[in-house]
């Protein structure tokens, strides 16, 4: 009886649509590395995996200009992914160490940290430039800081 049930399930699944997304390409490339290099150059386009859910915690973004250097993010980081740069009184974030808990984003009084939707972070080198966040520029949805009149006239 169980053999019949297993065969019925297998036959049923033969005619179902796949439950997976065809990612990163419609057809399997001969070389994944060559495919990714072509995507980087803009020659090919990658099929997005799935829509990113709201409040997704991806790669961290950091607005260096607005950072006050309070170091609260360093104190709260459980993986020690954030290091202080004393000369600049700013921070550097190692994404390869990050556990994407967003505790640093929550505690930051200046709101210079945010979680992005970027999640394709695989790399052979954990210290690659794209895995070290020094300055992401102005964060999406942030309010521009007005310069004081004395600064603006210079």
C-alpha atoms as a PDB file:
ATOM      1  CA  UNK A   1       0.000   0.000   0.000  1.00  0.00           C
ATOM      2  CA  UNK A   2       2.799   2.429   0.904  1.00  0.00           C
ATOM      3  CA  UNK A   3       4.608   1.593  -2.353  1.00  0.00           C
ATOM      4  CA  UNK A   4       1.502   2.562  -4.340  1.00  0.00           C
ATOM      5  CA  UNK A   5       1.185   5.837  -2.390  1.00  0.00           C
ATOM      6  CA  UNK A   6       4.847   6.728  -3.044  1.00  0.00           C
ATOM      7  CA  UNK A   7       4.514   5.984  -6.776  1.00  0.00           C
ATOM      8  CA  UNK A   8       1.341   8.101  -6.949  1.00  0.00           C
ATOM      9  CA  UNK A   9       3.135  11.033  -5.246  1.00  0.00           C
ATOM     10  CA  UNK A  10       6.083  10.786  -7.651  1.00  0.00           C
ATOM     11  CA  UNK A  11       3.813  10.710 -10.719  1.00  0.00           C
ATOM     12  CA  UNK A  12       1.813  13.655  -9.383  1.00  0.00           C
ATOM     13  CA  UNK A  13       4.978  15.713  -8.852  1.00  0.00           C
ATOM     14  CA  UNK A  14       6.127  15.079 -12.423  1.00  0.00           C
ATOM     15  CA  UNK A  15       3.344  17.317 -13.689  1.00  0.00           C
ATOM     16  CA  UNK A  16       3.588  20.118 -11.106  1.00  0.00           C
ATOM     17  CA  UNK A  17       5.372  23.406 -11.744  1.00  0.00           C
ATOM     18  CA  UNK A  18       8.731  23.712  -9.995  1.00  0.00           C
ATOM     19  CA  UNK A  19       8.631  25.282  -6.545  1.00  0.00           C
ATOM     20  CA  UNK A  20      11.985  26.976  -7.050  1.00  0.00           C
ATOM     21  CA  UNK A  21      12.959  30.150  -8.859  1.00  0.00           C
ATOM     22  CA  UNK A  22      15.194  29.897 -11.939  1.00  0.00           C
ATOM     23  CA  UNK A  23      18.051  31.819 -10.351  1.00  0.00           C
ATOM     24  CA  UNK A  24      20.473  33.275 -11.415  1.00  0.00           C
ATOM     25  CA  UNK A  25      19.768  32.422 -15.074  1.00  0.00           C
ATOM     26  CA  UNK A  26      16.945  30.772 -17.004  1.00  0.00           C
ATOM     27  CA  UNK A  27      19.321  27.976 -18.076  1.00  0.00           C
ATOM     28  CA  UNK A  28      22.322  26.730 -16.112  1.00  0.00           C
ATOM     29  CA  UNK A  29      25.452  28.497 -17.395  1.00  0.00           C
ATOM     30  CA  UNK A  30      28.480  26.451 -18.433  1.00  0.00           C
ATOM     31  CA  UNK A  31      30.596  28.467 -15.997  1.00  0.00           C
ATOM     32  CA  UNK A  32      29.038  30.232 -13.022  1.00  0.00           C
ATOM     33  CA  UNK A  33      32.080  32.451 -12.514  1.00  0.00           C
ATOM     34  CA  UNK A  34      32.076  33.514 -16.179  1.00  0.00           C
ATOM     35  CA  UNK A  35      28.334  34.199 -15.944  1.00  0.00           C
ATOM     36  CA  UNK A  36      28.791  36.398 -12.845  1.00  0.00           C
ATOM     37  CA  UNK A  37      31.659  38.269 -14.519  1.00  0.00           C
ATOM     38  CA  UNK A  38      29.396  38.944 -17.524  1.00  0.00           C
ATOM     39  CA  UNK A  39      26.689  40.241 -15.179  1.00  0.00           C
ATOM     40  CA  UNK A  40      29.235  42.543 -13.508  1.00  0.00           C
ATOM     41  CA  UNK A  41      30.289  43.914 -16.915  1.00  0.00           C
ATOM     42  CA  UNK A  42      26.629  44.489 -17.854  1.00  0.00           C
ATOM     43  CA  UNK A  43      26.699  41.981 -20.735  1.00  0.00           C
ATOM     44  CA  UNK A  44      24.103  39.672 -19.149  1.00  0.00           C
ATOM     45  CA  UNK A  45      21.290  40.241 -16.706  1.00  0.00           C
ATOM     46  CA  UNK A  46      20.642  38.127 -13.640  1.00  0.00           C
ATOM     47  CA  UNK A  47      17.130  36.916 -12.929  1.00  0.00           C
ATOM     48  CA  UNK A  48      16.194  38.257  -9.495  1.00  0.00           C
ATOM     49  CA  UNK A  49      15.662  35.432  -7.027  1.00  0.00           C
ATOM     50  CA  UNK A  50      12.491  36.477  -5.220  1.00  0.00           C
ATOM     51  CA  UNK A  51      10.994  39.797  -4.181  1.00  0.00           C
ATOM     52  CA  UNK A  52      12.656  41.038  -1.017  1.00  0.00           C
ATOM     53  CA  UNK A  53      10.174  41.114   1.890  1.00  0.00           C
ATOM     54  CA  UNK A  54       9.497  44.332   3.761  1.00  0.00           C
ATOM     55  CA  UNK A  55      11.859  45.071   6.664  1.00  0.00           C
ATOM     56  CA  UNK A  56      14.454  42.716   5.151  1.00  0.00           C
ATOM     57  CA  UNK A  57      17.855  43.005   6.837  1.00  0.00           C
ATOM     58  CA  UNK A  58      20.485  42.918   4.096  1.00  0.00           C
ATOM     59  CA  UNK A  59      23.883  44.561   3.726  1.00  0.00           C
ATOM     60  CA  UNK A  60      24.328  47.506   6.072  1.00  0.00           C
ATOM     61  CA  UNK A  61      24.611  51.069   4.747  1.00  0.00           C
ATOM     62  CA  UNK A  62      26.503  53.836   6.540  1.00  0.00           C
ATOM     63  CA  UNK A  63      26.420  57.629   6.064  1.00  0.00           C
ATOM     64  CA  UNK A  64      29.931  58.618   7.192  1.00  0.00           C
ATOM     65  CA  UNK A  65      29.332  62.373   6.860  1.00  0.00           C
ATOM     66  CA  UNK A  66      26.564  62.447   9.472  1.00  0.00           C
ATOM     67  CA  UNK A  67      28.264  60.020  11.911  1.00  0.00           C
ATOM     68  CA  UNK A  68      29.152  61.606  15.256  1.00  0.00           C
ATOM     69  CA  UNK A  69      31.556  58.838  16.319  1.00  0.00           C
ATOM     70  CA  UNK A  70      29.644  57.970  19.511  1.00  0.00           C
ATOM     71  CA  UNK A  71      30.669  54.264  19.255  1.00  0.00           C
ATOM     72  CA  UNK A  72      27.316  52.928  20.504  1.00  0.00           C
ATOM     73  CA  UNK A  73      27.126  50.671  17.437  1.00  0.00           C
ATOM     74  CA  UNK A  74      30.481  49.131  18.383  1.00  0.00           C
ATOM     75  CA  UNK A  75      29.336  48.463  21.948  1.00  0.00           C
ATOM     76  CA  UNK A  76      26.146  46.701  20.869  1.00  0.00           C
ATOM     77  CA  UNK A  77      27.546  44.620  17.958  1.00  0.00           C
ATOM     78  CA  UNK A  78      27.564  40.947  19.061  1.00  0.00           C
ATOM     79  CA  UNK A  79      29.997  39.845  16.329  1.00  0.00           C
ATOM     80  CA  UNK A  80      32.468  42.745  16.612  1.00  0.00           C
ATOM     81  CA  UNK A  81      31.844  43.569  12.930  1.00  0.00           C
ATOM     82  CA  UNK A  82      32.261  47.313  13.520  1.00  0.00           C
ATOM     83  CA  UNK A  83      35.657  48.881  14.150  1.00  0.00           C
ATOM     84  CA  UNK A  84      36.445  52.455  15.167  1.00  0.00           C
ATOM     85  CA  UNK A  85      38.834  54.564  13.073  1.00  0.00           C
ATOM     86  CA  UNK A  86      40.361  56.924  15.687  1.00  0.00           C
ATOM     87  CA  UNK A  87      41.946  59.361  13.191  1.00  0.00           C
ATOM     88  CA  UNK A  88      38.588  60.070  11.555  1.00  0.00           C
ATOM     89  CA  UNK A  89      36.351  59.414  14.581  1.00  0.00           C
ATOM     90  CA  UNK A  90      34.233  57.231  12.280  1.00  0.00           C
ATOM     91  CA  UNK A  91      33.572  53.499  11.906  1.00  0.00           C
ATOM     92  CA  UNK A  92      34.295  50.711   9.431  1.00  0.00           C
ATOM     93  CA  UNK A  93      31.903  47.757   9.075  1.00  0.00           C
ATOM     94  CA  UNK A  94      33.025  44.267   8.046  1.00  0.00           C
ATOM     95  CA  UNK A  95      29.974  42.699   6.387  1.00  0.00           C
ATOM     96  CA  UNK A  96      31.577  39.237   6.418  1.00  0.00           C
ATOM     97  CA  UNK A  97      31.422  39.308  10.238  1.00  0.00           C
ATOM     98  CA  UNK A  98      27.918  40.827  10.454  1.00  0.00           C
ATOM     99  CA  UNK A  99      25.016  38.637  11.613  1.00  0.00           C
ATOM    100  CA  UNK A 100      22.441  41.178  10.288  1.00  0.00           C
ATOM    101  CA  UNK A 101      20.777  41.602  13.681  1.00  0.00           C
ATOM    102  CA  UNK A 102      20.299  45.388  13.112  1.00  0.00           C
ATOM    103  CA  UNK A 103      21.072  46.229  16.747  1.00  0.00           C
ATOM    104  CA  UNK A 104      23.498  48.909  15.552  1.00  0.00           C
ATOM    105  CA  UNK A 105      20.775  50.479  13.406  1.00  0.00           C
ATOM    106  CA  UNK A 106      18.369  50.585  16.345  1.00  0.00           C
ATOM    107  CA  UNK A 107      20.825  52.135  18.813  1.00  0.00           C
ATOM    108  CA  UNK A 108      22.365  54.769  16.498  1.00  0.00           C
ATOM    109  CA  UNK A 109      21.253  58.229  17.750  1.00  0.00           C
ATOM    110  CA  UNK A 110      22.267  59.933  14.478  1.00  0.00           C
ATOM    111  CA  UNK A 111      20.424  57.392  12.299  1.00  0.00           C
ATOM    112  CA  UNK A 112      23.446  56.962  10.021  1.00  0.00           C
ATOM    113  CA  UNK A 113      23.089  53.181   9.737  1.00  0.00           C
ATOM    114  CA  UNK A 114      20.395  51.268   7.866  1.00  0.00           C
ATOM    115  CA  UNK A 115      19.792  47.805   6.504  1.00  0.00           C
ATOM    116  CA  UNK A 116      19.516  47.568   2.705  1.00  0.00           C
ATOM    117  CA  UNK A 117      17.825  44.988   0.479  1.00  0.00           C
ATOM    118  CA  UNK A 118      21.184  43.806  -0.885  1.00  0.00           C
ATOM    119  CA  UNK A 119      21.792  40.152  -0.072  1.00  0.00           C
ATOM    120  CA  UNK A 120      24.054  38.751  -2.784  1.00  0.00           C
ATOM    121  CA  UNK A 121      27.213  39.084  -0.723  1.00  0.00           C
ATOM    122  CA  UNK A 122      29.150  35.903  -1.516  1.00  0.00           C
ATOM    123  CA  UNK A 123      32.847  36.436  -2.169  1.00  0.00           C
ATOM    124  CA  UNK A 124      36.046  34.402  -2.006  1.00  0.00           C
ATOM    125  CA  UNK A 125      37.746  37.163  -0.016  1.00  0.00           C
ATOM    126  CA  UNK A 126      36.080  38.166   3.259  1.00  0.00           C
ATOM    127  CA  UNK A 127      38.047  41.427   3.178  1.00  0.00           C
ATOM    128  CA  UNK A 128      36.973  42.372  -0.365  1.00  0.00           C
ATOM    129  CA  UNK A 129      36.128  46.048  -0.873  1.00  0.00           C
ATOM    130  CA  UNK A 130      32.428  45.302  -1.386  1.00  0.00           C
ATOM    131  CA  UNK A 131      32.321  43.563   2.013  1.00  0.00           C
ATOM    132  CA  UNK A 132      33.815  46.476   3.956  1.00  0.00           C
ATOM    133  CA  UNK A 133      31.493  49.436   4.433  1.00  0.00           C
ATOM    134  CA  UNK A 134      33.350  52.694   5.032  1.00  0.00           C
ATOM    135  CA  UNK A 135      30.819  55.118   3.500  1.00  0.00           C
ATOM    136  CA  UNK A 136      27.639  54.360   1.569  1.00  0.00           C
ATOM    137  CA  UNK A 137      26.817  58.012   1.117  1.00  0.00           C
ATOM    138  CA  UNK A 138      23.417  59.409   1.937  1.00  0.00           C
ATOM    139  CA  UNK A 139      20.997  56.729   3.115  1.00  0.00           C
ATOM    140  CA  UNK A 140      17.742  56.157   1.227  1.00  0.00           C
ATOM    141  CA  UNK A 141      14.846  58.003   2.837  1.00  0.00           C
ATOM    142  CA  UNK A 142      17.100  60.109   5.064  1.00  0.00           C
ATOM    143  CA  UNK A 143      16.513  63.792   5.594  1.00  0.00           C
ATOM    144  CA  UNK A 144      19.226  66.022   4.148  1.00  0.00           C
ATOM    145  CA  UNK A 145      21.144  67.956   6.750  1.00  0.00           C
ATOM    146  CA  UNK A 146      21.063  71.716   6.275  1.00  0.00           C
ATOM    147  CA  UNK A 147      24.395  73.499   6.555  1.00  0.00           C
ATOM    148  CA  UNK A 148      24.577  76.364   9.048  1.00  0.00           C
ATOM    149  CA  UNK A 149      24.598  79.819   7.451  1.00  0.00           C
ATOM    150  CA  UNK A 150      28.275  80.310   8.386  1.00  0.00           C
ATOM    151  CA  UNK A 151      29.279  77.120   6.499  1.00  0.00           C
ATOM    152  CA  UNK A 152      27.077  77.852   3.492  1.00  0.00           C
ATOM    153  CA  UNK A 153      28.623  81.299   2.892  1.00  0.00           C
ATOM    154  CA  UNK A 154      32.198  79.910   2.711  1.00  0.00           C
END
